[in-house]
PDB file of N, CA and C in Angstrom:
ATOM      1  N   LEU A   1     -76.803 -67.672 -72.725  1.00  0.00           N
ATOM      2  CA  LEU A   1     -77.905 -67.830 -73.663  1.00  0.00           C
ATOM      3  C   LEU A   1     -77.427 -67.387 -75.026  1.00  0.00           C
ATOM      4  N   ASN A   2     -77.651 -68.190 -76.004  1.00  0.00           N
ATOM      5  CA  ASN A   2     -77.329 -67.850 -77.375  1.00  0.00           C
ATOM      6  C   ASN A   2     -78.577 -68.118 -78.191  1.00  0.00           C
ATOM      7  N   LEU A   3     -79.111 -67.069 -78.819  1.00  0.00           N
ATOM      8  CA  LEU A   3     -80.371 -67.244 -79.511  1.00  0.00           C
ATOM      9  C   LEU A   3     -80.465 -66.292 -80.683  1.00  0.00           C
ATOM     10  N   GLU A   4     -81.091 -66.726 -81.742  1.00  0.00           N
ATOM     11  CA  GLU A   4     -81.353 -65.886 -82.903  1.00  0.00           C
ATOM     12  C   GLU A   4     -82.850 -65.788 -83.090  1.00  0.00           C
ATOM     13  N   VAL A   5     -83.326 -64.562 -83.298  1.00  0.00           N
ATOM     14  CA  VAL A   5     -84.741 -64.319 -83.552  1.00  0.00           C
ATOM     15  C   VAL A   5     -84.820 -63.662 -84.926  1.00  0.00           C
ATOM     16  N   TYR A   6     -85.608 -64.235 -85.799  1.00  0.00           N
ATOM     17  CA  TYR A   6     -85.706 -63.752 -87.170  1.00  0.00           C
ATOM     18  C   TYR A   6     -86.876 -62.794 -87.330  1.00  0.00           C
ATOM     19  N   SER A   7     -86.827 -61.996 -88.376  1.00  0.00           N
ATOM     20  CA  SER A   7     -87.882 -61.043 -88.685  1.00  0.00           C
ATOM     21  C   SER A   7     -89.229 -61.756 -88.790  1.00  0.00           C
ATOM     22  N   ASN A   8     -90.257 -61.145 -88.242  1.00  0.00           N
ATOM     23  CA  ASN A   8     -91.636 -61.663 -88.244  1.00  0.00           C
ATOM     24  C   ASN A   8     -91.793 -62.953 -87.442  1.00  0.00           C
ATOM     25  N   GLU A   9     -90.852 -63.274 -86.601  1.00  0.00           N
ATOM     26  CA  GLU A   9     -90.928 -64.465 -85.762  1.00  0.00           C
ATOM     27  C   GLU A   9     -91.476 -64.075 -84.394  1.00  0.00           C
ATOM     28  N   ILE A  10     -92.304 -64.911 -83.826  1.00  0.00           N
ATOM     29  CA  ILE A  10     -92.831 -64.691 -82.485  1.00  0.00           C
ATOM     30  C   ILE A  10     -92.024 -65.549 -81.524  1.00  0.00           C
ATOM     31  N   LEU A  11     -91.545 -64.926 -80.466  1.00  0.00           N
ATOM     32  CA  LEU A  11     -90.715 -65.609 -79.484  1.00  0.00           C
ATOM     33  C   LEU A  11     -91.427 -65.616 -78.141  1.00  0.00           C
ATOM     34  N   VAL A  12     -91.461 -66.754 -77.500  1.00  0.00           N
ATOM     35  CA  VAL A  12     -92.034 -66.892 -76.168  1.00  0.00           C
ATOM     36  C   VAL A  12     -90.927 -67.308 -75.219  1.00  0.00           C
ATOM     37  N   ILE A  13     -90.823 -66.610 -74.094  1.00  0.00           N
ATOM     38  CA  ILE A  13     -89.837 -66.953 -73.077  1.00  0.00           C
ATOM     39  C   ILE A  13     -90.586 -67.590 -71.917  1.00  0.00           C
ATOM     40  N   MET A  14     -90.319 -68.870 -71.678  1.00  0.00           N
ATOM     41  CA  MET A  14     -90.996 -69.607 -70.615  1.00  0.00           C
ATOM     42  C   MET A  14     -89.965 -70.221 -69.690  1.00  0.00           C
ATOM     43  N   GLY A  15     -90.329 -70.372 -68.437  1.00  0.00           N
ATOM     44  CA  GLY A  15     -89.434 -71.014 -67.492  1.00  0.00           C
ATOM     45  C   GLY A  15     -90.007 -70.952 -66.098  1.00  0.00           C
ATOM     46  N   ALA A  16     -89.413 -71.702 -65.216  1.00  0.00           N
ATOM     47  CA  ALA A  16     -89.862 -71.745 -63.823  1.00  0.00           C
ATOM     48  C   ALA A  16     -89.563 -70.419 -63.136  1.00  0.00           C
ATOM     49  N   SER A  17     -90.202 -70.199 -62.026  1.00  0.00           N
ATOM     50  CA  SER A  17     -89.951 -69.011 -61.219  1.00  0.00           C
ATOM     51  C   SER A  17     -88.484 -68.978 -60.808  1.00  0.00           C
ATOM     52  N   GLY A  18     -87.839 -67.831 -61.004  1.00  0.00           N
ATOM     53  CA  GLY A  18     -86.439 -67.690 -60.628  1.00  0.00           C
ATOM     54  C   GLY A  18     -85.454 -68.132 -61.700  1.00  0.00           C
ATOM     55  N   ALA A  19     -85.953 -68.500 -62.891  1.00  0.00           N
ATOM     56  CA  ALA A  19     -85.073 -68.984 -63.951  1.00  0.00           C
ATOM     57  C   ALA A  19     -84.339 -67.862 -64.688  1.00  0.00           C
ATOM     58  N   GLY A  20     -84.802 -66.608 -64.537  1.00  0.00           N
ATOM     59  CA  GLY A  20     -84.125 -65.477 -65.154  1.00  0.00           C
ATOM     60  C   GLY A  20     -84.868 -64.824 -66.302  1.00  0.00           C
ATOM     61  N   LYS A  21     -86.158 -65.098 -66.444  1.00  0.00           N
ATOM     62  CA  LYS A  21     -86.930 -64.507 -67.540  1.00  0.00           C
ATOM     63  C   LYS A  21     -86.959 -62.984 -67.441  1.00  0.00           C
ATOM     64  N   THR A  22     -87.282 -62.473 -66.289  1.00  0.00           N
ATOM     65  CA  THR A  22     -87.338 -61.027 -66.089  1.00  0.00           C
ATOM     66  C   THR A  22     -85.962 -60.402 -66.214  1.00  0.00           C
ATOM     67  N   SER A  23     -84.946 -61.066 -65.705  1.00  0.00           N
ATOM     68  CA  SER A  23     -83.576 -60.550 -65.838  1.00  0.00           C
ATOM     69  C   SER A  23     -83.198 -60.442 -67.306  1.00  0.00           C
ATOM     70  N   LEU A  24     -83.543 -61.426 -68.103  1.00  0.00           N
ATOM     71  CA  LEU A  24     -83.253 -61.400 -69.534  1.00  0.00           C
ATOM     72  C   LEU A  24     -83.946 -60.220 -70.204  1.00  0.00           C
ATOM     73  N   LEU A  25     -85.225 -60.020 -69.912  1.00  0.00           N
ATOM     74  CA  LEU A  25     -85.961 -58.902 -70.503  1.00  0.00           C
ATOM     75  C   LEU A  25     -85.397 -57.561 -70.054  1.00  0.00           C
ATOM     76  N   ASN A  26     -84.997 -57.465 -68.787  1.00  0.00           N
ATOM     77  CA  ASN A  26     -84.412 -56.219 -68.286  1.00  0.00           C
ATOM     78  C   ASN A  26     -83.087 -55.910 -68.966  1.00  0.00           C
ATOM     79  N   ILE A  27     -82.307 -56.923 -69.264  1.00  0.00           N
ATOM     80  CA  ILE A  27     -81.039 -56.716 -69.974  1.00  0.00           C
ATOM     81  C   ILE A  27     -81.316 -56.295 -71.421  1.00  0.00           C
ATOM     82  N   ILE A  28     -82.211 -56.990 -72.090  1.00  0.00           N
ATOM     83  CA  ILE A  28     -82.544 -56.659 -73.479  1.00  0.00           C
ATOM     84  C   ILE A  28     -83.139 -55.254 -73.574  1.00  0.00           C
ATOM     85  N   GLY A  29     -83.982 -54.889 -72.619  1.00  0.00           N
ATOM     86  CA  GLY A  29     -84.601 -53.567 -72.604  1.00  0.00           C
ATOM     87  C   GLY A  29     -83.714 -52.478 -72.033  1.00  0.00           C
ATOM     88  N   GLN A  30     -82.477 -52.825 -71.682  1.00  0.00           N
ATOM     89  CA  GLN A  30     -81.486 -51.889 -71.137  1.00  0.00           C
ATOM     90  C   GLN A  30     -81.902 -51.285 -69.801  1.00  0.00           C
ATOM     91  N   LEU A  31     -82.744 -51.997 -69.041  1.00  0.00           N
ATOM     92  CA  LEU A  31     -83.080 -51.574 -67.682  1.00  0.00           C
ATOM     93  C   LEU A  31     -82.028 -52.074 -66.707  1.00  0.00           C
ATOM     94  N   ASP A  32     -81.321 -53.123 -67.072  1.00  0.00           N
ATOM     95  CA  ASP A  32     -80.238 -53.689 -66.264  1.00  0.00           C
ATOM     96  C   ASP A  32     -78.980 -53.709 -67.127  1.00  0.00           C
ATOM     97  N   ARG A  33     -77.983 -52.952 -66.709  1.00  0.00           N
ATOM     98  CA  ARG A  33     -76.743 -52.889 -67.491  1.00  0.00           C
ATOM     99  C   ARG A  33     -75.583 -53.568 -66.779  1.00  0.00           C
ATOM    100  N   ASP A  34     -75.896 -54.275 -65.704  1.00  0.00           N
ATOM    101  CA  ASP A  34     -74.860 -54.958 -64.931  1.00  0.00           C
ATOM    102  C   ASP A  34     -74.840 -56.440 -65.320  1.00  0.00           C
ATOM    103  N   TYR A  35     -74.239 -56.742 -66.467  1.00  0.00           N
ATOM    104  CA  TYR A  35     -74.164 -58.119 -66.935  1.00  0.00           C
ATOM    105  C   TYR A  35     -72.863 -58.316 -67.708  1.00  0.00           C
ATOM    106  N   GLN A  36     -72.498 -59.556 -67.899  1.00  0.00           N
ATOM    107  CA  GLN A  36     -71.320 -59.885 -68.687  1.00  0.00           C
ATOM    108  C   GLN A  36     -71.775 -60.421 -70.031  1.00  0.00           C
ATOM    109  N   GLY A  37     -70.985 -60.142 -71.056  1.00  0.00           N
ATOM    110  CA  GLY A  37     -71.340 -60.609 -72.386  1.00  0.00           C
ATOM    111  C   GLY A  37     -71.785 -59.452 -73.249  1.00  0.00           C
ATOM    112  N   GLU A  38     -72.386 -59.783 -74.373  1.00  0.00           N
ATOM    113  CA  GLU A  38     -72.836 -58.744 -75.277  1.00  0.00           C
ATOM    114  C   GLU A  38     -74.122 -59.160 -75.958  1.00  0.00           C
ATOM    115  N   ILE A  39     -74.885 -58.168 -76.361  1.00  0.00           N
ATOM    116  CA  ILE A  39     -76.109 -58.392 -77.115  1.00  0.00           C
ATOM    117  C   ILE A  39     -75.850 -57.846 -78.504  1.00  0.00           C
ATOM    118  N   VAL A  40     -76.052 -58.682 -79.516  1.00  0.00           N
ATOM    119  CA  VAL A  40     -75.824 -58.266 -80.890  1.00  0.00           C
ATOM    120  C   VAL A  40     -77.182 -58.154 -81.573  1.00  0.00           C
ATOM    121  N   TYR A  41     -77.400 -57.005 -82.182  1.00  0.00           N
ATOM    122  CA  TYR A  41     -78.662 -56.752 -82.885  1.00  0.00           C
ATOM    123  C   TYR A  41     -78.334 -56.248 -84.283  1.00  0.00           C
ATOM    124  N   ALA A  42     -78.831 -56.909 -85.294  1.00  0.00           N
ATOM    125  CA  ALA A  42     -78.602 -56.533 -86.689  1.00  0.00           C
ATOM    126  C   ALA A  42     -77.111 -56.367 -86.975  1.00  0.00           C
ATOM    127  N   SER A  43     -76.330 -57.321 -86.523  1.00  0.00           N
ATOM    128  CA  SER A  43     -74.875 -57.379 -86.718  1.00  0.00           C
ATOM    129  C   SER A  43     -74.099 -56.306 -85.974  1.00  0.00           C
ATOM    130  N   ASP A  44     -74.755 -55.524 -85.132  1.00  0.00           N
ATOM    131  CA  ASP A  44     -74.081 -54.502 -84.335  1.00  0.00           C
ATOM    132  C   ASP A  44     -74.206 -54.845 -82.860  1.00  0.00           C
ATOM    133  N   ILE A  45     -73.151 -54.559 -82.104  1.00  0.00           N
ATOM    134  CA  ILE A  45     -73.217 -54.744 -80.655  1.00  0.00           C
ATOM    135  C   ILE A  45     -74.120 -53.665 -80.083  1.00  0.00           C
ATOM    136  N   PHE A  46     -74.980 -54.078 -79.177  1.00  0.00           N
ATOM    137  CA  PHE A  46     -75.940 -53.184 -78.528  1.00  0.00           C
ATOM    138  C   PHE A  46     -75.277 -51.919 -78.021  1.00  0.00           C
ATOM    139  N   GLN A  47     -75.858 -50.798 -78.285  1.00  0.00           N
ATOM    140  CA  GLN A  47     -75.382 -49.530 -77.729  1.00  0.00           C
ATOM    141  C   GLN A  47     -76.320 -49.128 -76.596  1.00  0.00           C
ATOM    142  N   ALA A  48     -75.772 -48.634 -75.499  1.00  0.00           N
ATOM    143  CA  ALA A  48     -76.561 -48.282 -74.322  1.00  0.00           C
ATOM    144  C   ALA A  48     -77.573 -47.180 -74.621  1.00  0.00           C
ATOM    145  N   THR A  49     -77.321 -46.372 -75.652  1.00  0.00           N
ATOM    146  CA  THR A  49     -78.227 -45.267 -75.964  1.00  0.00           C
ATOM    147  C   THR A  49     -79.347 -45.665 -76.909  1.00  0.00           C
ATOM    148  N   HIS A  50     -79.295 -46.865 -77.451  1.00  0.00           N
ATOM    149  CA  HIS A  50     -80.294 -47.306 -78.424  1.00  0.00           C
ATOM    150  C   HIS A  50     -80.935 -48.594 -77.933  1.00  0.00           C
ATOM    151  N   VAL A  51     -82.257 -48.579 -77.778  1.00  0.00           N
ATOM    152  CA  VAL A  51     -82.972 -49.757 -77.298  1.00  0.00           C
ATOM    153  C   VAL A  51     -83.932 -50.222 -78.390  1.00  0.00           C
ATOM    154  N   PRO A  52     -83.534 -51.208 -79.198  1.00  0.00           N
ATOM    155  CA  PRO A  52     -84.414 -51.662 -80.276  1.00  0.00           C
ATOM    156  C   PRO A  52     -85.507 -52.618 -79.803  1.00  0.00           C
ATOM    157  N   PHE A  53     -85.533 -52.973 -78.522  1.00  0.00           N
ATOM    158  CA  PHE A  53     -86.499 -53.946 -78.010  1.00  0.00           C
ATOM    159  C   PHE A  53     -87.281 -53.386 -76.827  1.00  0.00           C
ATOM    160  N   PRO A  54     -88.069 -52.349 -77.013  1.00  0.00           N
ATOM    161  CA  PRO A  54     -88.850 -51.850 -75.875  1.00  0.00           C
ATOM    162  C   PRO A  54     -89.969 -52.838 -75.536  1.00  0.00           C
ATOM    163  N   TYR A  55     -90.398 -52.834 -74.285  1.00  0.00           N
ATOM    164  CA  TYR A  55     -91.526 -53.669 -73.902  1.00  0.00           C
ATOM    165  C   TYR A  55     -92.327 -52.974 -72.816  1.00  0.00           C
ATOM    166  N   VAL A  56     -93.567 -53.397 -72.637  1.00  0.00           N
ATOM    167  CA  VAL A  56     -94.467 -52.808 -71.654  1.00  0.00           C
ATOM    168  C   VAL A  56     -94.598 -53.781 -70.501  1.00  0.00           C
ATOM    169  N   PHE A  57     -94.504 -53.252 -69.292  1.00  0.00           N
ATOM    170  CA  PHE A  57     -94.627 -54.087 -68.106  1.00  0.00           C
ATOM    171  C   PHE A  57     -96.041 -54.645 -67.985  1.00  0.00           C
ATOM    172  N   GLN A  58     -96.139 -55.874 -67.536  1.00  0.00           N
ATOM    173  CA  GLN A  58     -97.441 -56.473 -67.299  1.00  0.00           C
ATOM    174  C   GLN A  58     -98.099 -55.854 -66.081  1.00  0.00           C
ATOM    175  N   ASP A  59     -97.295 -55.489 -65.095  1.00  0.00           N
ATOM    176  CA  ASP A  59     -97.781 -54.895 -63.862  1.00  0.00           C
ATOM    177  C   ASP A  59     -97.956 -53.389 -64.068  1.00  0.00           C
ATOM    178  N   SER A  60     -99.198 -52.903 -64.023  1.00  0.00           N
ATOM    179  CA  SER A  60     -99.455 -51.492 -64.296  1.00  0.00           C
ATOM    180  C   SER A  60     -98.812 -50.569 -63.270  1.00  0.00           C
ATOM    181  N   GLU A  61     -98.525 -51.056 -62.064  1.00  0.00           N
ATOM    182  CA  GLU A  61     -97.875 -50.226 -61.048  1.00  0.00           C
ATOM    183  C   GLU A  61     -96.451 -49.868 -61.453  1.00  0.00           C
ATOM    184  N   SER A  62     -95.810 -50.709 -62.244  1.00  0.00           N
ATOM    185  CA  SER A  62     -94.459 -50.417 -62.721  1.00  0.00           C
ATOM    186  C   SER A  62     -94.481 -49.375 -63.835  1.00  0.00           C
ATOM    187  N   LEU A  63     -95.574 -49.326 -64.575  1.00  0.00           N
ATOM    188  CA  LEU A  63     -95.666 -48.424 -65.710  1.00  0.00           C
ATOM    189  C   LEU A  63     -95.971 -46.991 -65.284  1.00  0.00           C
ATOM    190  N   LEU A  64     -97.048 -46.790 -64.557  1.00  0.00           N
ATOM    191  CA  LEU A  64     -97.463 -45.461 -64.070  1.00  0.00           C
ATOM    192  C   LEU A  64     -97.912 -45.571 -62.613  1.00  0.00           C
ATOM    193  N   PRO A  65     -96.973 -45.681 -61.673  1.00  0.00           N
ATOM    194  CA  PRO A  65     -97.346 -45.930 -60.283  1.00  0.00           C
ATOM    195  C   PRO A  65     -98.159 -44.806 -59.648  1.00  0.00           C
ATOM    196  N   TRP A  66     -98.120 -43.600 -60.206  1.00  0.00           N
ATOM    197  CA  TRP A  66     -98.839 -42.473 -59.629  1.00  0.00           C
ATOM    198  C   TRP A  66    -100.276 -42.362 -60.170  1.00  0.00           C
ATOM    199  N   LYS A  67    -100.634 -43.160 -61.171  1.00  0.00           N
ATOM    200  CA  LYS A  67    -101.978 -43.107 -61.758  1.00  0.00           C
ATOM    201  C   LYS A  67    -102.901 -44.137 -61.126  1.00  0.00           C
ATOM    202  N   THR A  68    -104.168 -43.800 -61.060  1.00  0.00           N
ATOM    203  CA  THR A  68    -105.192 -44.729 -60.587  1.00  0.00           C
ATOM    204  C   THR A  68    -106.323 -44.774 -61.616  1.00  0.00           C
ATOM    205  N   VAL A  69    -107.228 -45.724 -61.475  1.00  0.00           N
ATOM    206  CA  VAL A  69    -108.368 -45.826 -62.375  1.00  0.00           C
ATOM    207  C   VAL A  69    -109.260 -44.597 -62.219  1.00  0.00           C
ATOM    208  N   ILE A  70    -109.383 -44.116 -61.019  1.00  0.00           N
ATOM    209  CA  ILE A  70    -110.222 -42.930 -60.767  1.00  0.00           C
ATOM    210  C   ILE A  70    -109.574 -41.710 -61.359  1.00  0.00           C
TER     211      ILE A  70
END
């Protein structure tokens, strides 16, 4: 995948089930570090200690599995 996202641009990732959408987000969010290639952000290669693209899981069980509505 080769893609450029510009400032103030909205990006939508769409694809069929199993196409790799979640894998892509996990790599960008540094949740998955087992990949080949590199991610370049602002002309710098991604550093494992710096995550400029945080995201919130859609599934609340992944976010706070020990919390309930009650």
